[in-house]
């Protein structure tokens, strides 16, 4: 009976709305959609305890895709590259492709955060969201609810995946509308997540940090071609990306291994322990030994 009443109310609402529709000026000329690319490779997951935020704990995470965090309950400080952003309850935050992020000193406690990771060409339409938390509006919340319902209740299939992509696109549109960044670039920048993922996997899988030439050889292309393709597809130079990787690898080894600092310097591709220590201090504000003993990093930004 309740369902019948709800259906009748919905029908009456649609009838009211139908009465507001004007007659078309032309039966053949309607509203044209702008160029549109759907998000892809979407993963939704949750975190319910602050202890689970830094996972895995050995180093900062580098994603080759977008990460959208929605703090539904409780807050924490998110460090993205060298920026610290406080994410309060009822706010959202983006981590963009090829940015490192972790969570600073979260105290043990309960929270309720929704994470959505996805691939999408970075066309500049979300530029206003760099390093900035935004309020979750009722429209965003409804769009997120519909997305999660579909994600949880449907099996992965072509049709279901399309619905999830459309619902995420709607959520992103709601965020852009509430946080306009001006005009988007004329042509979307191709993200090519496959290339970046392969490069990082090669770099992370080897005992010693490989050079650009060695990575290019593994991929079967020249080093110069790899550098050009990487910058075009990722918006950052290959050299800077590899320097980020080796510094974060060094951080993980300092905290999670008993290797000598000189060994870590060699493994991470530094010519000497002096060069490594100088680069580490320039970026993190502390020496490798100070960091190993529990010192906190203070990002200086000059090491990359």
Protein backbone atom coordinates (compact mmCIF):
# COMPACT_ATOMS: atom_id res chain seq x y z
CA UNK A 1 0.00 0.00 0.00
CA UNK A 2 2.86 2.35 0.91
CA UNK A 3 4.60 1.60 -2.38
CA UNK A 4 1.39 2.30 -4.32
CA UNK A 5 1.02 5.67 -2.54
CA UNK A 6 4.63 6.59 -3.29
CA UNK A 7 4.23 5.62 -6.95
CA UNK A 8 1.06 7.71 -7.21
CA UNK A 9 2.80 10.72 -5.63
CA UNK A 10 5.74 10.36 -8.03
CA UNK A 11 3.32 10.17 -10.96
CA UNK A 12 1.53 13.34 -9.83
CA UNK A 13 4.89 15.12 -9.45
CA UNK A 14 5.86 14.15 -13.00
CA UNK A 15 2.48 15.37 -14.27
CA UNK A 16 3.11 18.76 -12.65
CA UNK A 17 6.56 18.97 -14.18
CA UNK A 18 5.19 17.89 -17.55
CA UNK A 19 2.86 20.86 -17.49
CA UNK A 20 5.85 23.21 -17.24
CA UNK A 21 7.48 22.03 -20.45
CA UNK A 22 7.36 24.57 -23.30
CA UNK A 23 6.66 23.68 -26.91
CA UNK A 24 9.93 23.22 -28.84
CA UNK A 25 10.90 26.09 -31.13
CA UNK A 26 12.03 23.47 -33.63
CA UNK A 27 11.33 19.74 -33.60
CA UNK A 28 14.82 19.06 -35.02
CA UNK A 29 17.04 21.49 -33.10
CA UNK A 30 17.48 20.56 -29.43
CA UNK A 31 20.10 20.86 -26.70
CA UNK A 32 23.48 19.53 -27.80
CA UNK A 33 25.76 17.83 -25.32
CA UNK A 34 29.35 19.12 -25.02
CA UNK A 35 32.31 16.79 -25.74
CA UNK A 36 32.24 14.28 -22.90
CA UNK A 37 34.56 11.55 -21.62
CA UNK A 38 33.32 9.12 -18.98
CA UNK A 39 35.46 8.08 -16.01
CA UNK A 40 36.71 4.52 -16.27
CA UNK A 41 38.26 1.73 -14.16
CA UNK A 42 36.25 2.83 -11.11
CA UNK A 43 36.84 1.42 -7.64
CA UNK A 44 34.76 2.34 -4.58
CA UNK A 45 35.84 1.40 -1.06
CA UNK A 46 35.56 2.67 2.50
CA UNK A 47 37.69 3.25 5.57
CA UNK A 48 36.18 3.03 9.04
CA UNK A 49 39.19 3.45 11.32
CA UNK A 50 41.94 6.06 11.28
CA UNK A 51 44.50 3.28 11.68
CA UNK A 52 43.54 2.03 8.20
CA UNK A 53 44.16 5.32 6.40
CA UNK A 54 47.91 4.88 5.90
CA UNK A 55 47.77 1.50 4.23
CA UNK A 56 50.24 0.14 3.33
CA UNK A 57 52.20 1.94 6.08
CA UNK A 58 55.72 1.66 4.68
CA UNK A 59 55.67 4.73 2.44
CA UNK A 60 53.50 7.38 0.86
CA UNK A 61 51.15 6.26 -1.87
CA UNK A 62 51.56 7.38 -5.46
CA UNK A 63 48.52 6.92 -7.66
CA UNK A 64 48.42 7.09 -11.43
CA UNK A 65 44.73 8.00 -11.29
CA UNK A 66 42.30 10.26 -9.51
CA UNK A 67 41.38 9.62 -5.89
CA UNK A 68 38.23 11.23 -4.50
CA UNK A 69 37.80 11.15 -0.71
CA UNK A 70 34.49 11.99 0.96
CA UNK A 71 34.72 12.39 4.75
CA UNK A 72 31.24 11.32 5.82
CA UNK A 73 32.17 11.15 9.50
CA UNK A 74 35.25 12.47 11.35
CA UNK A 75 38.24 14.24 9.79
CA UNK A 76 42.00 13.94 9.33
CA UNK A 77 44.90 15.82 7.77
CA UNK A 78 45.90 14.69 4.29
CA UNK A 79 49.38 15.47 2.97
CA UNK A 80 49.49 15.76 -0.83
CA UNK A 81 53.01 16.24 -2.19
CA UNK A 82 54.27 19.10 0.04
CA UNK A 83 50.81 20.46 0.98
CA UNK A 84 48.91 19.65 4.18
CA UNK A 85 45.13 19.79 3.79
CA UNK A 86 42.73 19.38 6.67
CA UNK A 87 39.72 17.31 5.59
CA UNK A 88 36.85 17.83 7.99
CA UNK A 89 33.66 15.83 8.35
CA UNK A 90 31.28 16.73 5.53
CA UNK A 91 34.07 17.66 3.12
CA UNK A 92 35.66 16.07 0.07
CA UNK A 93 39.15 16.17 -1.44
CA UNK A 94 40.83 15.10 -4.68
CA UNK A 95 44.26 13.59 -5.12
CA UNK A 96 45.27 14.05 -8.75
CA UNK A 97 47.21 11.57 -10.88
CA UNK A 98 50.94 11.34 -10.07
CA UNK A 99 50.62 12.98 -6.67
CA UNK A 100 51.91 11.37 -3.48
CA UNK A 101 49.64 11.36 -0.48
CA UNK A 102 49.45 10.08 3.05
CA UNK A 103 47.68 10.93 6.29
CA UNK A 104 49.47 12.76 9.07
CA UNK A 105 49.43 11.30 12.54
CA UNK A 106 45.80 10.20 12.66
CA UNK A 107 44.77 9.33 16.20
CA UNK A 108 43.14 5.97 16.79
CA UNK A 109 39.43 6.32 16.35
CA UNK A 110 36.43 5.66 14.19
CA UNK A 111 35.59 7.43 10.99
CA UNK A 112 33.49 6.85 7.89
CA UNK A 113 35.16 7.83 4.63
CA UNK A 114 34.22 6.95 1.08
CA UNK A 115 37.03 6.57 -1.46
CA UNK A 116 36.47 6.55 -5.22
CA UNK A 117 39.44 6.00 -7.53
CA UNK A 118 39.16 6.27 -11.30
CA UNK A 119 40.89 7.00 -14.60
CA UNK A 120 39.94 10.18 -16.44
CA UNK A 121 41.78 12.47 -18.86
CA UNK A 122 42.88 15.55 -16.93
CA UNK A 123 41.26 18.31 -19.00
CA UNK A 124 41.66 21.03 -16.36
CA UNK A 125 37.99 21.08 -15.38
CA UNK A 126 38.86 20.04 -11.81
CA UNK A 127 41.81 22.45 -11.51
CA UNK A 128 40.10 24.42 -8.75
CA UNK A 129 40.24 21.33 -6.55
CA UNK A 130 44.04 21.06 -6.29
CA UNK A 131 45.03 20.90 -2.60
CA UNK A 132 41.62 22.19 -1.49
CA UNK A 133 38.85 20.57 0.51
CA UNK A 134 35.28 21.30 -0.58
CA UNK A 135 31.92 21.05 1.14
CA UNK A 136 29.78 18.03 0.26
CA UNK A 137 26.47 19.52 -0.90
CA UNK A 138 23.13 17.65 -0.72
CA UNK A 139 23.31 17.20 -4.52
CA UNK A 140 26.76 15.62 -4.25
CA UNK A 141 25.61 13.36 -1.43
CA UNK A 142 22.61 12.11 -3.44
CA UNK A 143 24.81 11.45 -6.47
CA UNK A 144 27.31 9.56 -4.29
CA UNK A 145 24.52 7.51 -2.69
CA UNK A 146 23.17 6.45 -6.08
CA UNK A 147 26.68 5.54 -7.23
CA UNK A 148 27.38 3.38 -4.17
CA UNK A 149 23.98 1.65 -4.38
CA UNK A 150 24.65 0.66 -7.98
CA UNK A 151 28.24 -0.35 -7.22
CA UNK A 152 27.19 -2.57 -4.31
CA UNK A 153 24.00 -4.10 -5.68
CA UNK A 154 25.00 -4.91 -9.27
CA UNK A 155 27.50 -7.37 -10.66
CA UNK A 156 30.30 -6.06 -12.86
CA UNK A 157 28.96 -6.09 -16.40
CA UNK A 158 28.96 -3.80 -19.39
CA UNK A 159 25.60 -2.26 -18.56
CA UNK A 160 26.23 -1.96 -14.81
CA UNK A 161 29.69 -0.49 -15.39
CA UNK A 162 28.19 2.10 -17.73
CA UNK A 163 25.64 3.11 -15.09
CA UNK A 164 28.40 3.45 -12.47
CA UNK A 165 30.47 5.58 -14.87
CA UNK A 166 27.48 7.82 -15.62
CA UNK A 167 26.70 8.22 -11.92
CA UNK A 168 30.31 9.12 -11.12
CA UNK A 169 30.28 11.59 -14.02
CA UNK A 170 27.19 13.19 -12.46
CA UNK A 171 28.93 13.40 -9.07
CA UNK A 172 31.98 15.05 -10.68
CA UNK A 173 29.69 17.49 -12.47
CA UNK A 174 28.05 18.44 -9.17
CA UNK A 175 31.49 19.08 -7.69
CA UNK A 176 32.57 21.19 -10.67
CA UNK A 177 29.34 23.21 -10.54
CA UNK A 178 29.89 24.03 -6.87
CA UNK A 179 33.59 24.78 -7.42
CA UNK A 180 33.99 26.32 -10.89
CA UNK A 181 37.53 26.65 -12.25
CA UNK A 182 36.81 28.59 -15.44
CA UNK A 183 37.15 27.23 -18.94
CA UNK A 184 38.57 23.80 -19.52
CA UNK A 185 41.38 23.33 -21.97
CA UNK A 186 40.46 22.89 -25.63
CA UNK A 187 41.80 19.36 -25.86
CA UNK A 188 41.86 16.86 -22.99
CA UNK A 189 45.31 15.70 -21.97
CA UNK A 190 45.62 11.97 -22.58
CA UNK A 191 46.40 10.29 -19.27
CA UNK A 192 47.59 6.96 -20.67
CA UNK A 193 47.55 5.20 -17.29
CA UNK A 194 49.03 2.06 -18.84
CA UNK A 195 52.39 3.68 -19.59
CA UNK A 196 52.76 5.30 -16.18
CA UNK A 197 51.76 2.12 -14.39
CA UNK A 198 54.30 0.06 -16.33
CA UNK A 199 57.06 2.59 -15.66
CA UNK A 200 56.37 2.63 -11.92
CA UNK A 201 56.10 -1.14 -11.69
CA UNK A 202 59.45 -1.55 -13.44
CA UNK A 203 61.03 0.99 -11.10
CA UNK A 204 59.53 -0.52 -7.95
CA UNK A 205 60.21 -4.16 -8.87
CA UNK A 206 63.98 -3.83 -9.33
CA UNK A 207 66.44 -4.15 -6.47
CA UNK A 208 68.09 -0.88 -7.48
CA UNK A 209 66.29 2.13 -8.91
CA UNK A 210 66.67 1.86 -12.72
CA UNK A 211 67.64 4.71 -15.02
CA UNK A 212 65.34 6.12 -17.69
CA UNK A 213 67.47 4.33 -20.29
CA UNK A 214 67.04 0.98 -18.52
CA UNK A 215 63.27 1.45 -18.23
CA UNK A 216 63.04 2.40 -21.90
CA UNK A 217 65.00 -0.72 -22.87
CA UNK A 218 62.59 -2.87 -20.86
CA UNK A 219 59.68 -1.26 -22.69
CA UNK A 220 61.39 -1.67 -26.06
CA UNK A 221 61.55 2.03 -26.92
CA UNK A 222 64.24 4.70 -26.86
CA UNK A 223 64.83 6.81 -23.75
CA UNK A 224 64.05 10.03 -25.63
CA UNK A 225 60.76 8.61 -26.93
CA UNK A 226 59.83 7.44 -23.44
CA UNK A 227 60.52 10.90 -21.98
CA UNK A 228 58.35 12.59 -24.60
CA UNK A 229 55.49 10.11 -24.26
CA UNK A 230 55.61 10.24 -20.47
CA UNK A 231 55.43 14.03 -20.29
CA UNK A 232 52.65 14.18 -22.89
CA UNK A 233 50.54 11.55 -21.18
CA UNK A 234 51.22 12.34 -17.53
CA UNK A 235 51.88 16.09 -17.40
CA UNK A 236 55.11 15.60 -15.46
CA UNK A 237 58.63 14.77 -16.61
CA UNK A 238 59.89 11.21 -16.35
CA UNK A 239 62.92 12.42 -14.39
CA UNK A 240 60.80 14.12 -11.74
CA UNK A 241 58.54 11.09 -11.46
CA UNK A 242 61.54 8.77 -10.92
CA UNK A 243 63.05 11.15 -8.36
CA UNK A 244 59.78 11.09 -6.45
CA UNK A 245 59.75 7.31 -6.54
CA UNK A 246 63.31 6.88 -5.32
CA UNK A 247 62.89 9.39 -2.48
CA UNK A 248 59.73 7.69 -1.29
CA UNK A 249 61.41 4.30 -1.61
CA UNK A 250 64.23 5.64 0.55
CA UNK A 251 61.73 6.80 3.17
CA UNK A 252 60.18 3.36 3.30
CA UNK A 253 63.55 1.60 3.61
CA UNK A 254 64.69 3.94 6.39
CA UNK A 255 61.65 3.13 8.50
CA UNK A 256 60.98 -0.47 7.51
CA UNK A 257 64.47 -1.98 7.10
CA UNK A 258 67.72 -2.20 9.05
CA UNK A 259 69.95 -1.41 6.06
CA UNK A 260 72.68 1.15 6.52
CA UNK A 261 72.02 4.60 5.11
CA UNK A 262 74.86 4.11 2.60
CA UNK A 263 73.17 0.92 1.31
CA UNK A 264 69.84 2.68 0.96
CA UNK A 265 71.52 5.51 -0.93
CA UNK A 266 73.01 3.02 -3.38
CA UNK A 267 69.79 1.05 -3.80
CA UNK A 268 67.87 4.23 -4.54
CA UNK A 269 70.30 5.35 -7.22
CA UNK A 270 72.39 8.00 -5.45
CA UNK A 271 76.07 8.32 -6.26
CA UNK A 272 77.09 8.74 -2.62
CA UNK A 273 75.61 8.85 0.87
CA UNK A 274 76.45 12.56 0.97
CA UNK A 275 74.41 13.25 -2.18
CA UNK A 276 71.54 11.19 -0.77
CA UNK A 277 71.59 12.92 2.63
CA UNK A 278 71.68 16.36 1.02
CA UNK A 279 68.74 15.54 -1.30
CA UNK A 280 66.77 13.95 1.56
CA UNK A 281 67.21 16.97 3.82
CA UNK A 282 66.41 19.38 0.98
CA UNK A 283 63.07 17.66 0.38
CA UNK A 284 62.02 16.48 3.84
CA UNK A 285 63.72 18.96 6.18
CA UNK A 286 65.45 16.25 8.23
CA UNK A 287 68.46 14.01 7.68
CA UNK A 288 67.98 10.30 6.88
CA UNK A 289 69.24 9.34 10.34
CA UNK A 290 66.90 11.80 12.06
CA UNK A 291 64.00 10.40 10.06
CA UNK A 292 64.96 6.81 10.93
CA UNK A 293 64.94 7.71 14.63
CA UNK A 294 61.36 8.93 14.36
CA UNK A 295 61.76 12.49 13.15
CA UNK A 296 58.86 14.03 11.28
CA UNK A 297 59.29 15.21 7.72
CA UNK A 298 58.80 18.89 6.92
CA UNK A 299 58.47 19.18 3.19
CA UNK A 300 60.77 21.82 1.76
CA UNK A 301 59.88 21.21 -1.90
CA UNK A 302 63.39 21.85 -3.24
CA UNK A 303 64.48 18.23 -3.47
CA UNK A 304 62.48 17.43 -6.58
